[in-house]
Amino acid sequence: MARLVLFDLDGTLVDRNAAFSDAVASLCRRHEFRPEIEKWLLVELADRANPVDFTRLRRTFGLTEPAAQLWQEYIDLMAGSVTCRQPVLEGLVRLRDAAWTIGIATNGGADIQRAKLAATGIADLVDGVAVSGDLEVRKPDMRLFELAASRCGASLADGGWVVGDNPAGDIGGGHQAGLRTIWLRGRPWPDDLRAAHHVVDDVTDAIAILLNETSE
């Protein structure tokens, strides 16, 4: 089995939810937006955010600020708020030291996801990144996993692992890609989805499983 692991980003390596709430609140304070605008943002951007969302925001509320400006401000605020816990960063270092090839396969806008990776220091610890905005396809589409592996200098044909919190996107997509899977428990599990190879409560537990594979 190849020592390739593809990690999800939001909800797996980083806590998007806390950063999201902070970023929306800061954006609204900066522009003195009405409470209904903040509520709209919290609902519409809850799962993911893209530039088109801010075009819709501007049109819905008749804002004068350019959509591109608001999007860039949101990216900057998210990058400033998002964190990756030190034990997770240390775990990635240990994987690299154990000769693992580490990739990121994440849904979302390419610019905002890469800003998070850079701000948290994760970008310096991985071999390749594939964001759904790169291909305009989203997990569980196998092409995103293929791109992530390719950018790591690897091939899905050689096997590997996927670690993520989304049952359908990460685990279902990983199965389709022929990879072994580790699910971070939290979201509801669909009845018709094949079980993950391992289930954990924290990404550091997933890293421990991978390191144990290395030692076997």
Protein backbone atom coordinates (compact mmCIF):
# COMPACT_ATOMS: atom_id res chain seq x y z
CA MET A 1 0.00 0.00 0.00
CA ALA A 2 1.40 3.36 -1.06
CA ARG A 3 2.17 5.88 1.66
CA LEU A 4 -0.17 8.49 0.19
CA VAL A 5 -2.77 10.22 2.33
CA LEU A 6 -5.23 12.84 1.11
CA PHE A 7 -6.74 15.01 3.83
CA ASP A 8 -9.90 17.07 3.70
CA LEU A 9 -9.43 20.63 4.99
CA ASP A 10 -12.53 22.15 6.59
CA GLY A 11 -13.75 20.22 9.60
CA THR A 12 -10.77 17.88 9.37
CA LEU A 13 -7.46 19.74 9.59
CA VAL A 14 -8.97 23.13 10.49
CA ASP A 15 -12.03 24.37 12.36
CA ARG A 16 -13.90 26.31 9.71
CA ASN A 17 -17.01 26.94 11.81
CA ALA A 18 -15.39 29.17 14.42
CA ALA A 19 -13.39 31.08 11.82
CA PHE A 20 -16.51 31.49 9.67
CA SER A 21 -18.56 33.09 12.45
CA ASP A 22 -15.71 35.46 13.32
CA ALA A 23 -15.09 36.44 9.70
CA VAL A 24 -18.76 37.19 8.97
CA ALA A 25 -19.12 39.23 12.17
CA SER A 26 -15.95 41.21 11.38
CA LEU A 27 -17.03 41.89 7.80
CA CYS A 28 -20.41 43.15 8.93
CA ARG A 29 -18.91 45.40 11.62
CA ARG A 30 -16.41 46.83 9.15
CA HIS A 31 -19.16 47.89 6.74
CA GLU A 32 -21.86 48.54 9.35
CA PHE A 33 -24.12 46.03 7.62
CA ARG A 34 -27.64 45.57 8.96
CA PRO A 35 -28.40 42.47 11.10
CA GLU A 36 -30.38 40.88 8.26
CA ILE A 37 -27.26 40.95 6.06
CA GLU A 38 -25.23 39.13 8.70
CA LYS A 39 -28.01 36.58 9.08
CA TRP A 40 -28.09 36.08 5.29
CA LEU A 41 -24.34 35.50 5.18
CA LEU A 42 -24.43 33.01 8.05
CA VAL A 43 -27.10 30.98 6.25
CA GLU A 44 -25.91 31.24 2.64
CA LEU A 45 -22.22 30.67 3.37
CA ALA A 46 -22.69 28.04 6.07
CA ASP A 47 -21.39 25.12 3.99
CA ARG A 48 -19.07 26.91 1.57
CA ALA A 49 -18.37 30.34 0.06
CA ASN A 50 -17.53 31.43 -3.46
CA PRO A 51 -17.25 34.78 -5.27
CA VAL A 52 -20.74 34.40 -6.76
CA ASP A 53 -22.19 34.48 -3.24
CA PHE A 54 -21.03 38.05 -2.84
CA THR A 55 -22.51 39.00 -6.20
CA ARG A 56 -25.81 37.65 -4.90
CA LEU A 57 -25.33 39.49 -1.60
CA ARG A 58 -24.75 42.80 -3.37
CA ARG A 59 -27.78 42.31 -5.60
CA THR A 60 -30.09 41.10 -2.82
CA PHE A 61 -29.42 44.05 -0.51
CA GLY A 62 -28.49 46.74 -3.03
CA LEU A 63 -25.01 47.22 -1.59
CA THR A 64 -22.62 49.75 -3.09
CA GLU A 65 -19.42 47.86 -2.25
CA PRO A 66 -18.05 45.85 -5.21
CA ALA A 67 -18.63 42.11 -4.89
CA ALA A 68 -14.98 41.36 -5.65
CA GLN A 69 -13.88 43.65 -2.81
CA LEU A 70 -16.21 41.97 -0.33
CA TRP A 71 -15.04 38.53 -1.42
CA GLN A 72 -11.38 39.47 -0.94
CA GLU A 73 -12.10 40.98 2.46
CA TYR A 74 -13.89 37.78 3.46
CA ILE A 75 -10.91 35.68 2.31
CA ASP A 76 -8.53 37.83 4.33
CA LEU A 77 -10.73 37.66 7.43
CA MET A 78 -11.10 33.88 7.13
CA ALA A 79 -7.36 33.46 6.73
CA GLY A 80 -6.83 35.63 9.80
CA SER A 81 -9.31 33.66 11.90
CA VAL A 82 -8.77 30.04 10.90
CA THR A 83 -6.45 27.90 12.99
CA CYS A 84 -4.87 24.47 12.89
CA ARG A 85 -4.12 23.00 16.31
CA GLN A 86 -0.46 22.45 17.12
CA PRO A 87 -0.88 18.67 17.67
CA VAL A 88 -2.28 18.41 14.13
CA LEU A 89 0.64 20.30 12.63
CA GLU A 90 3.03 18.14 14.62
CA GLY A 91 1.24 15.04 13.34
CA LEU A 92 1.74 16.16 9.74
CA VAL A 93 5.43 16.64 10.46
CA ARG A 94 5.63 13.12 11.86
CA LEU A 95 3.95 11.74 8.74
CA ARG A 96 6.47 13.51 6.54
CA ASP A 97 9.31 12.19 8.69
CA ALA A 98 7.87 8.69 8.20
CA ALA A 99 8.06 9.14 4.40
CA TRP A 100 4.34 9.69 3.85
CA THR A 101 3.22 11.72 0.83
CA ILE A 102 0.57 14.19 2.03
CA GLY A 103 -2.07 15.83 -0.14
CA ILE A 104 -5.11 18.03 0.35
CA ALA A 105 -8.36 17.31 -1.49
CA THR A 106 -10.92 19.95 -0.55
CA ASN A 107 -14.11 21.45 -1.87
CA GLY A 108 -14.37 25.23 -2.04
CA GLY A 109 -13.04 28.26 -3.87
CA ALA A 110 -9.38 27.85 -4.82
CA ASP A 111 -8.32 31.27 -3.52
CA ILE A 112 -9.94 31.01 -0.10
CA GLN A 113 -8.83 27.41 0.53
CA ARG A 114 -5.24 28.19 -0.39
CA ALA A 115 -5.33 31.28 1.83
CA LYS A 116 -6.34 29.07 4.76
CA LEU A 117 -3.59 26.56 3.99
CA ALA A 118 -0.98 29.32 3.88
CA ALA A 119 -2.22 31.10 7.01
CA THR A 120 -2.24 27.95 9.15
CA GLY A 121 1.15 26.67 7.97
CA ILE A 122 -0.36 23.53 6.47
CA ALA A 123 0.79 24.55 2.99
CA ASP A 124 4.41 24.07 4.07
CA LEU A 125 3.73 20.50 5.23
CA VAL A 126 1.97 18.99 2.21
CA ASP A 127 3.12 17.80 -1.19
CA GLY A 128 0.13 18.79 -3.30
CA VAL A 129 -3.26 20.52 -3.15
CA ALA A 130 -6.41 20.06 -5.22
CA VAL A 131 -9.38 22.37 -4.67
CA SER A 132 -12.77 21.84 -6.29
CA GLY A 133 -12.52 25.31 -7.80
CA ASP A 134 -9.49 24.12 -9.81
CA LEU A 135 -11.61 21.71 -11.84
CA GLU A 136 -15.15 22.89 -11.17
CA VAL A 137 -15.88 19.43 -9.77
CA ARG A 138 -16.59 18.59 -6.15
CA LYS A 139 -16.00 15.58 -3.96
CA PRO A 140 -17.07 12.79 -4.20
CA ASP A 141 -16.09 13.20 -7.87
CA MET A 142 -13.07 10.95 -8.33
CA ARG A 143 -11.33 13.50 -10.52
CA LEU A 144 -10.56 15.70 -7.52
CA PHE A 145 -8.78 12.84 -5.79
CA GLU A 146 -6.91 12.05 -9.00
CA LEU A 147 -5.75 15.66 -9.27
CA ALA A 148 -4.63 15.73 -5.64
CA ALA A 149 -2.62 12.54 -6.08
CA SER A 150 -1.08 13.80 -9.32
CA ARG A 151 -0.02 17.07 -7.69
CA CYS A 152 1.70 14.98 -5.03
CA GLY A 153 3.60 13.09 -7.73
CA ALA A 154 1.56 9.97 -6.97
CA SER A 155 -1.13 7.85 -8.61
CA LEU A 156 -4.39 6.49 -7.23
CA ALA A 157 -3.53 3.23 -8.94
CA ASP A 158 -0.91 2.68 -6.25
CA GLY A 159 -3.47 3.05 -3.45
CA GLY A 160 -3.46 5.25 -0.39
CA TRP A 161 -5.77 6.80 2.19
CA VAL A 162 -8.42 9.52 2.52
CA VAL A 163 -9.14 11.25 5.85
CA GLY A 164 -12.19 13.47 6.19
CA ASP A 165 -15.38 14.35 8.05
CA ASN A 166 -17.89 14.24 5.18
CA PRO A 167 -19.41 10.76 4.78
CA ALA A 168 -20.40 11.06 1.13
CA GLY A 169 -17.74 13.47 -0.10
CA ASP A 170 -14.67 12.11 1.69
CA ILE A 171 -15.49 8.50 2.53
CA GLY A 172 -17.79 7.71 -0.38
CA GLY A 173 -15.45 9.52 -2.75
CA GLY A 174 -12.45 7.75 -1.27
CA HIS A 175 -14.06 4.36 -1.82
CA GLN A 176 -14.78 5.25 -5.45
CA ALA A 177 -11.15 6.27 -5.85
CA GLY A 178 -9.99 2.89 -4.54
CA LEU A 179 -8.49 4.35 -1.37
CA ARG A 180 -8.71 3.28 2.25
CA THR A 181 -10.69 5.68 4.41
CA ILE A 182 -10.74 7.22 7.89
CA TRP A 183 -13.86 9.09 8.93
CA LEU A 184 -13.94 11.81 11.59
CA ARG A 185 -17.16 11.14 13.41
CA GLY A 186 -19.69 13.96 13.62
CA ARG A 187 -22.00 14.29 10.65
CA PRO A 188 -24.95 11.89 10.20
CA TRP A 189 -23.96 8.70 8.39
CA PRO A 190 -26.15 7.75 5.38
CA ASP A 191 -27.74 4.31 5.67
CA ASP A 192 -26.70 3.27 2.18
CA LEU A 193 -23.03 4.27 2.42
CA ARG A 194 -20.32 1.66 2.77
CA ALA A 195 -18.53 1.89 6.11
CA ALA A 196 -15.17 3.60 6.47
CA HIS A 197 -12.14 1.46 7.23
CA HIS A 198 -11.62 3.37 10.50
CA VAL A 199 -13.74 5.81 12.53
CA VAL A 200 -12.11 8.34 14.86
CA ASP A 201 -13.08 11.38 16.93
CA ASP A 202 -10.06 13.54 16.11
CA VAL A 203 -7.74 13.88 13.15
CA THR A 204 -4.77 13.21 15.43
CA ASP A 205 -6.23 9.73 15.97
CA ALA A 206 -6.28 9.26 12.20
CA ILE A 207 -2.64 10.31 11.98
CA ALA A 208 -1.79 7.77 14.69
CA ILE A 209 -3.45 5.03 12.62
CA LEU A 210 -1.40 6.00 9.58
CA LEU A 211 1.82 6.07 11.58
CA ASN A 212 0.98 2.62 12.94
CA GLU A 213 0.60 1.41 9.35
CA THR A 214 4.10 2.72 8.69
CA SER A 215 5.58 0.73 11.56
CA GLU A 216 3.92 -2.57 10.62
